[in-house]
N, C-alpha and C. Protein backbone atom coordinates (compact mmCIF):
# COMPACT_ATOMS: atom_id res chain seq x y z
N MET A 1 -40.26 40.35 85.40
CA MET A 1 -41.41 40.91 85.08
C MET A 1 -41.72 41.24 83.82
N THR A 2 -41.89 41.57 82.68
CA THR A 2 -42.21 42.11 81.59
C THR A 2 -42.41 43.53 81.40
N THR A 3 -42.14 44.10 80.58
CA THR A 3 -42.24 45.20 80.09
C THR A 3 -43.17 45.56 79.49
N VAL A 4 -44.48 46.55 78.97
CA VAL A 4 -44.95 46.37 77.79
C VAL A 4 -44.54 47.63 77.14
N PRO A 5 -44.04 47.64 75.94
CA PRO A 5 -42.99 48.59 75.16
C PRO A 5 -44.16 49.72 75.10
N LYS A 6 -43.25 50.88 75.06
CA LYS A 6 -44.10 52.44 74.40
C LYS A 6 -44.32 52.28 73.14
N ARG A 7 -45.78 52.82 72.57
CA ARG A 7 -45.82 53.08 71.33
C ARG A 7 -45.82 54.56 71.03
N VAL A 8 -45.35 54.68 69.69
CA VAL A 8 -45.00 55.75 69.23
C VAL A 8 -45.91 56.29 67.68
N LEU A 9 -45.88 57.08 67.38
CA LEU A 9 -46.67 57.52 65.85
C LEU A 9 -45.66 58.19 65.73
N ASP A 10 -45.36 58.11 64.51
CA ASP A 10 -44.12 59.00 63.62
C ASP A 10 -44.75 59.58 62.51
N VAL A 11 -45.21 60.73 62.45
CA VAL A 11 -46.00 61.38 61.38
C VAL A 11 -45.33 61.86 60.48
N GLY A 12 -45.64 62.02 58.98
CA GLY A 12 -44.91 62.56 57.97
C GLY A 12 -43.75 62.96 57.42
N GLN A 13 -42.64 61.50 58.09
CA GLN A 13 -41.57 61.33 57.45
C GLN A 13 -41.63 60.43 56.34
N CYS A 14 -40.58 61.28 55.52
CA CYS A 14 -40.15 60.47 54.16
C CYS A 14 -39.67 58.88 54.62
N PRO A 15 -39.78 57.68 53.80
CA PRO A 15 -39.18 56.15 53.82
C PRO A 15 -37.82 56.13 54.96
N PRO A 16 -36.71 57.02 54.00
CA PRO A 16 -35.51 56.64 55.02
C PRO A 16 -35.26 57.56 56.49
N ASP A 17 -35.91 58.70 56.63
CA ASP A 17 -36.13 59.04 58.15
C ASP A 17 -36.98 58.19 58.93
N HIS A 18 -38.02 57.82 58.34
CA HIS A 18 -39.08 57.06 59.65
C HIS A 18 -38.00 56.01 59.58
N GLY A 19 -37.42 54.95 59.18
CA GLY A 19 -36.74 54.19 59.10
C GLY A 19 -35.13 54.56 60.13
N ALA A 20 -34.75 55.64 60.35
CA ALA A 20 -34.13 56.09 60.99
C ALA A 20 -34.66 56.55 62.09
N ILE A 21 -35.45 57.11 62.22
CA ILE A 21 -36.03 57.19 63.55
C ILE A 21 -36.77 55.79 64.65
N ARG A 22 -37.05 55.34 63.57
CA ARG A 22 -37.34 53.79 64.18
C ARG A 22 -36.74 53.55 64.70
N ALA A 23 -35.47 53.15 63.95
CA ALA A 23 -34.32 52.32 64.77
C ALA A 23 -34.06 52.84 66.16
N MET A 24 -33.54 54.49 66.21
CA MET A 24 -33.42 54.75 67.06
C MET A 24 -34.04 54.55 68.53
N LEU A 25 -35.41 54.70 67.87
CA LEU A 25 -36.54 54.16 69.45
C LEU A 25 -36.26 53.00 69.33
N VAL A 26 -36.41 52.00 68.90
CA VAL A 26 -36.03 50.48 69.04
C VAL A 26 -35.16 50.34 69.84
N SER A 27 -34.00 50.82 69.56
CA SER A 27 -32.63 50.71 69.95
C SER A 27 -32.85 51.21 70.87
N LEU A 28 -33.18 52.42 71.65
CA LEU A 28 -32.74 53.04 72.62
C LEU A 28 -33.82 52.69 73.78
N PHE A 29 -35.60 52.06 73.38
CA PHE A 29 -36.30 52.38 74.02
C PHE A 29 -36.90 50.79 73.66
N GLY A 30 -36.92 50.08 72.84
CA GLY A 30 -37.75 49.42 72.51
C GLY A 30 -39.25 49.32 72.18
N ALA A 31 -39.26 50.35 71.79
CA ALA A 31 -40.30 50.91 71.51
C ALA A 31 -41.21 50.44 69.85
N GLU A 32 -42.45 50.62 70.09
CA GLU A 32 -43.27 50.25 68.76
C GLU A 32 -43.44 51.21 67.94
N VAL A 33 -42.95 51.18 66.88
CA VAL A 33 -43.29 52.44 65.68
C VAL A 33 -44.39 52.54 64.91
N ASP A 34 -45.46 53.18 64.61
CA ASP A 34 -46.21 53.13 63.64
C ASP A 34 -46.19 54.51 62.73
N SER A 35 -46.23 54.48 61.66
CA SER A 35 -45.77 55.95 61.03
C SER A 35 -47.55 56.23 60.41
N ALA A 36 -47.34 57.69 60.02
CA ALA A 36 -48.62 58.50 59.52
C ALA A 36 -48.13 59.47 58.40
N LEU A 37 -48.52 59.49 56.99
CA LEU A 37 -48.42 60.07 56.32
C LEU A 37 -48.54 61.18 56.45
N THR A 38 -50.24 61.41 56.30
CA THR A 38 -50.92 62.80 56.80
C THR A 38 -51.71 62.93 58.20
N THR A 39 -52.28 64.19 58.31
CA THR A 39 -52.65 64.42 59.27
C THR A 39 -53.96 63.77 59.31
N ALA A 40 -54.76 63.94 58.27
CA ALA A 40 -56.01 62.75 58.64
C ALA A 40 -55.61 61.36 58.96
N GLN A 41 -54.63 61.13 58.42
CA GLN A 41 -54.33 59.15 58.50
C GLN A 41 -53.73 59.53 60.26
N ALA A 42 -53.14 60.25 60.94
CA ALA A 42 -52.31 60.09 62.05
C ALA A 42 -53.67 60.42 62.97
N LEU A 43 -54.56 61.12 62.70
CA LEU A 43 -55.79 61.33 63.91
C LEU A 43 -56.90 60.13 63.79
N GLN A 44 -56.59 59.52 62.52
CA GLN A 44 -57.23 58.30 62.61
C GLN A 44 -56.95 57.17 63.39
N MET A 45 -55.63 57.33 63.39
CA MET A 45 -54.21 56.65 63.95
C MET A 45 -54.72 56.68 65.53
N LEU A 46 -54.66 57.95 65.62
CA LEU A 46 -54.81 58.20 66.99
C LEU A 46 -56.31 57.64 68.03
N ALA A 47 -57.13 58.09 66.68
CA ALA A 47 -58.83 57.64 67.55
C ALA A 47 -58.81 55.79 67.63
N ASP A 48 -58.04 54.90 67.15
CA ASP A 48 -57.82 53.66 66.82
C ASP A 48 -57.16 52.76 67.86
N ARG A 49 -55.90 53.64 68.33
CA ARG A 49 -55.09 53.41 69.08
C ARG A 49 -54.71 53.83 69.92
N ALA A 50 -54.00 53.56 71.46
CA ALA A 50 -53.09 54.06 72.32
C ALA A 50 -51.86 54.43 72.03
N TYR A 51 -51.09 55.94 71.99
CA TYR A 51 -50.09 55.77 71.81
C TYR A 51 -49.14 56.83 73.09
N ASP A 52 -47.79 56.65 73.17
CA ASP A 52 -47.47 57.40 74.23
C ASP A 52 -46.81 58.13 73.84
N LEU A 53 -46.44 58.58 72.74
CA LEU A 53 -45.88 59.86 71.90
C LEU A 53 -46.34 59.67 70.60
N VAL A 54 -45.85 61.55 70.56
CA VAL A 54 -46.11 61.39 68.79
C VAL A 54 -45.23 62.34 68.82
N LEU A 55 -44.73 61.65 67.32
CA LEU A 55 -43.59 62.50 66.74
C LEU A 55 -43.94 63.42 65.55
N VAL A 56 -43.90 64.39 65.16
CA VAL A 56 -44.58 65.31 63.81
C VAL A 56 -43.33 65.60 63.19
N ASN A 57 -43.33 65.49 62.08
CA ASN A 57 -42.16 66.08 61.33
C ASN A 57 -42.99 67.88 60.90
N ARG A 58 -41.66 68.83 60.72
CA ARG A 58 -42.12 69.98 60.54
C ARG A 58 -43.36 70.44 59.49
N LEU A 59 -42.47 69.57 58.46
CA LEU A 59 -43.07 69.78 57.17
C LEU A 59 -43.46 68.39 56.58
N LEU A 60 -44.58 68.14 56.33
CA LEU A 60 -45.21 66.04 56.18
C LEU A 60 -44.81 65.62 55.02
N ASP A 61 -44.21 64.78 54.49
CA ASP A 61 -43.19 65.16 53.69
C ASP A 61 -44.13 64.56 52.17
N LEU A 62 -45.55 63.85 52.61
CA LEU A 62 -46.17 63.69 51.60
C LEU A 62 -47.44 64.54 51.05
N ASP A 63 -47.54 65.77 51.53
CA ASP A 63 -47.94 67.14 51.24
C ASP A 63 -47.67 68.47 51.45
N ARG A 64 -46.54 68.55 52.20
CA ARG A 64 -46.18 69.15 52.72
C ARG A 64 -46.68 70.75 53.83
N SER A 65 -47.74 69.88 54.22
CA SER A 65 -48.46 70.01 55.43
C SER A 65 -47.67 70.51 56.83
N ASP A 66 -48.10 71.90 56.66
CA ASP A 66 -47.20 72.09 58.51
C ASP A 66 -47.51 71.04 59.80
N GLY A 67 -46.61 70.36 60.06
CA GLY A 67 -47.05 69.56 61.08
C GLY A 67 -47.21 70.23 62.41
N ILE A 68 -47.20 71.44 62.54
CA ILE A 68 -47.71 72.14 63.84
C ILE A 68 -49.51 72.12 63.68
N ASP A 69 -50.08 72.19 62.71
CA ASP A 69 -51.25 71.85 62.42
C ASP A 69 -51.81 70.68 63.24
N LEU A 70 -51.28 69.80 62.73
CA LEU A 70 -51.70 68.63 63.69
C LEU A 70 -51.25 68.58 65.59
N ILE A 71 -50.78 69.45 65.77
CA ILE A 71 -50.12 69.77 66.65
C ILE A 71 -51.79 70.50 67.54
N ARG A 72 -51.90 71.38 66.86
CA ARG A 72 -52.79 72.22 67.11
C ARG A 72 -54.40 71.53 67.15
N GLN A 73 -54.19 70.50 66.29
CA GLN A 73 -55.61 69.82 66.49
C GLN A 73 -56.00 68.65 67.28
N MET A 74 -54.38 68.49 67.55
CA MET A 74 -54.66 67.39 68.93
C MET A 74 -54.98 67.71 70.29
N GLN A 75 -54.57 69.48 70.40
CA GLN A 75 -54.64 70.18 71.39
C GLN A 75 -55.85 70.36 71.42
N GLY A 76 -56.61 70.48 70.44
CA GLY A 76 -58.05 70.79 70.43
C GLY A 76 -59.07 69.58 70.92
N ARG A 77 -58.47 68.60 70.39
CA ARG A 77 -59.86 67.18 70.93
C ARG A 77 -59.50 66.89 72.37
N PRO A 78 -60.32 67.09 73.24
CA PRO A 78 -59.99 66.21 74.66
C PRO A 78 -59.92 65.21 74.15
N LYS A 79 -59.76 63.93 74.06
CA LYS A 79 -59.21 62.73 73.61
C LYS A 79 -58.04 62.25 73.04
N LEU A 80 -57.34 63.52 72.64
CA LEU A 80 -55.87 63.61 72.03
C LEU A 80 -54.98 64.28 72.88
N SER A 81 -55.64 65.03 73.35
CA SER A 81 -54.91 66.50 74.02
C SER A 81 -53.82 65.87 75.06
N ASN A 82 -54.43 64.81 75.62
CA ASN A 82 -53.17 64.51 77.06
C ASN A 82 -52.00 63.41 76.38
N ILE A 83 -52.07 63.17 75.14
CA ILE A 83 -50.73 62.32 74.48
C ILE A 83 -49.80 63.47 74.07
N PRO A 84 -48.34 63.14 74.76
CA PRO A 84 -47.56 63.85 74.77
C PRO A 84 -47.05 63.63 72.84
N VAL A 85 -46.46 65.36 72.59
CA VAL A 85 -46.37 65.52 71.01
C VAL A 85 -45.23 66.01 70.65
N MET A 86 -43.99 66.15 70.09
CA MET A 86 -42.88 66.56 69.52
C MET A 86 -43.31 66.61 68.22
N LEU A 87 -42.35 68.06 67.99
CA LEU A 87 -41.57 68.06 66.55
C LEU A 87 -40.81 67.76 66.27
N ILE A 88 -40.47 67.16 65.48
CA ILE A 88 -39.11 67.08 64.63
C ILE A 88 -38.66 68.08 63.29
N SER A 89 -37.79 68.89 64.01
CA SER A 89 -37.07 70.02 63.26
C SER A 89 -35.88 70.36 63.84
N ASN A 90 -35.21 70.68 63.12
CA ASN A 90 -33.73 71.45 63.67
C ASN A 90 -34.00 72.88 63.60
N ARG A 91 -34.91 73.49 63.77
CA ARG A 91 -35.64 75.31 63.24
C ARG A 91 -35.99 75.22 64.87
N GLU A 92 -35.06 76.39 65.58
CA GLU A 92 -35.16 76.52 66.91
C GLU A 92 -36.93 77.47 66.89
N ASP A 93 -36.71 78.25 65.54
CA ASP A 93 -38.22 79.24 65.44
C ASP A 93 -39.65 77.99 65.29
N ALA A 94 -39.31 76.69 64.70
CA ALA A 94 -40.25 75.82 64.89
C ALA A 94 -40.84 75.26 66.21
N GLN A 95 -39.69 74.99 66.42
CA GLN A 95 -39.74 74.09 68.14
C GLN A 95 -40.62 75.31 68.49
N ARG A 96 -39.94 76.21 68.85
CA ARG A 96 -40.77 77.64 69.28
C ARG A 96 -42.25 77.46 69.52
N ARG A 97 -42.94 77.58 68.07
CA ARG A 97 -43.88 77.44 67.52
C ARG A 97 -45.28 76.49 67.78
N ALA A 98 -44.34 75.04 67.89
CA ALA A 98 -44.75 73.79 68.27
C ALA A 98 -45.12 73.33 69.95
N VAL A 99 -44.20 74.43 70.66
CA VAL A 99 -43.79 74.65 72.04
C VAL A 99 -45.42 75.09 72.52
N GLU A 100 -45.64 76.32 71.95
CA GLU A 100 -46.64 77.41 71.69
C GLU A 100 -48.11 77.15 71.74
N ALA A 101 -47.90 75.64 70.51
CA ALA A 101 -48.97 75.42 70.69
C ALA A 101 -49.70 73.72 71.35
N GLY A 102 -48.62 73.28 72.10
CA GLY A 102 -49.03 72.53 73.38
C GLY A 102 -48.15 71.17 73.19
N ALA A 103 -46.99 71.59 72.51
CA ALA A 103 -45.94 70.26 72.39
C ALA A 103 -44.53 70.40 73.41
N ALA A 104 -44.24 69.49 73.46
CA ALA A 104 -42.96 69.38 74.60
C ALA A 104 -42.14 69.95 73.28
N HIS A 105 -41.15 70.13 74.05
CA HIS A 105 -39.75 70.57 73.03
C HIS A 105 -39.43 69.49 72.34
N GLY A 106 -38.72 69.17 70.95
CA GLY A 106 -38.79 68.02 69.95
C GLY A 106 -37.11 68.40 70.02
N PHE A 107 -37.10 67.72 68.38
CA PHE A 107 -35.47 67.48 68.15
C PHE A 107 -35.41 67.44 66.95
N GLY A 108 -34.51 67.65 66.40
CA GLY A 108 -34.13 67.58 64.84
C GLY A 108 -33.07 66.42 63.97
N LYS A 109 -33.73 66.42 63.00
CA LYS A 109 -33.28 64.78 62.21
C LYS A 109 -31.49 64.56 62.62
N ALA A 110 -30.77 66.68 62.97
CA ALA A 110 -29.20 66.29 62.54
C ALA A 110 -28.76 65.62 64.36
N GLY A 111 -29.81 65.77 64.95
CA GLY A 111 -29.24 65.43 66.27
C GLY A 111 -30.07 64.18 66.64
N LEU A 112 -30.03 63.00 65.57
CA LEU A 112 -30.93 62.01 66.36
C LEU A 112 -30.51 61.43 67.19
N HIS A 113 -28.74 60.91 66.98
CA HIS A 113 -28.38 60.29 67.90
C HIS A 113 -27.44 61.06 69.10
N ALA A 114 -27.68 62.02 68.86
CA ALA A 114 -27.53 63.13 70.35
C ALA A 114 -27.75 62.72 71.96
N PRO A 115 -27.00 62.50 72.93
CA PRO A 115 -27.47 61.98 73.88
C PRO A 115 -28.84 63.26 74.17
N ALA A 116 -28.80 64.53 74.11
CA ALA A 116 -29.61 65.49 74.65
C ALA A 116 -30.78 65.34 73.94
N THR A 117 -31.05 64.21 72.65
CA THR A 117 -32.44 63.88 72.00
C THR A 117 -33.16 62.53 72.74
N GLU A 118 -31.91 61.58 73.48
CA GLU A 118 -32.48 60.81 74.32
C GLU A 118 -32.66 61.01 75.65
N ALA A 119 -32.53 62.09 75.99
CA ALA A 119 -32.78 62.84 77.17
C ALA A 119 -33.64 63.46 77.33
N LEU A 120 -34.21 63.84 75.98
CA LEU A 120 -35.73 64.27 75.93
C LEU A 120 -36.81 63.40 75.43
N LEU A 121 -36.52 62.42 74.90
CA LEU A 121 -37.30 61.17 74.97
C LEU A 121 -37.62 60.58 76.16
N ARG A 122 -36.76 60.18 77.02
CA ARG A 122 -36.24 59.67 78.13
C ARG A 122 -38.10 59.62 79.15
N PRO A 123 -38.77 60.90 79.46
CA PRO A 123 -39.50 60.70 80.09
C PRO A 123 -40.79 60.38 79.53
N PHE A 124 -41.11 60.22 77.80
CA PHE A 124 -42.05 59.53 77.42
C PHE A 124 -42.03 57.88 76.89
N LEU A 125 -40.71 57.72 77.05
CA LEU A 125 -40.43 56.37 76.57
C LEU A 125 -40.00 55.37 77.57
N ASP A 126 -39.23 55.50 78.64
CA ASP A 126 -38.39 54.80 79.52
C ASP A 126 -39.40 53.79 80.37
N THR A 127 -39.31 52.41 80.64
CA THR A 127 -39.89 51.61 80.93
C THR A 127 -39.18 50.87 82.11
N THR A 128 -38.04 51.62 82.32
CA THR A 128 -37.62 50.76 83.51
C THR A 128 -38.24 51.05 84.74
N ALA A 129 -39.24 52.64 84.91
CA ALA A 129 -39.46 52.63 86.18
C ALA A 129 -40.74 51.60 86.86
N TYR A 130 -41.21 50.71 85.36
CA TYR A 130 -42.09 49.71 85.29
C TYR A 130 -41.65 48.61 85.60
N ALA A 131 -40.23 47.96 85.27
CA ALA A 131 -40.06 46.86 85.66
C ALA A 131 -39.64 46.15 86.70
């Protein structure tokens, strides 16, 4: 039986960081990963396509806006509030604020290849339960 890959929207990363995150998600989970540069672009992509997880940079690379704003906007929209979202930040204070805004606890780029990061992502991206 073939499994359908999980789809991730990665928001606000610079190209090298997006590439590293995408490579990790493909390697570990076989996920399909799309990229959005801004909050507005992310909201449009979320309206147009189903995603299993949204990863948001603490500060969006293009305009330096606060990634937690996207989390709050997602939580305020009934069609988006059920999509799991995580903040990408090494800063624990930012992770706390993201969780308070409705996100699952995320991870930082410094721990991209850590077993703990894989463990955080597995509940959202593991497809073995459906194989």
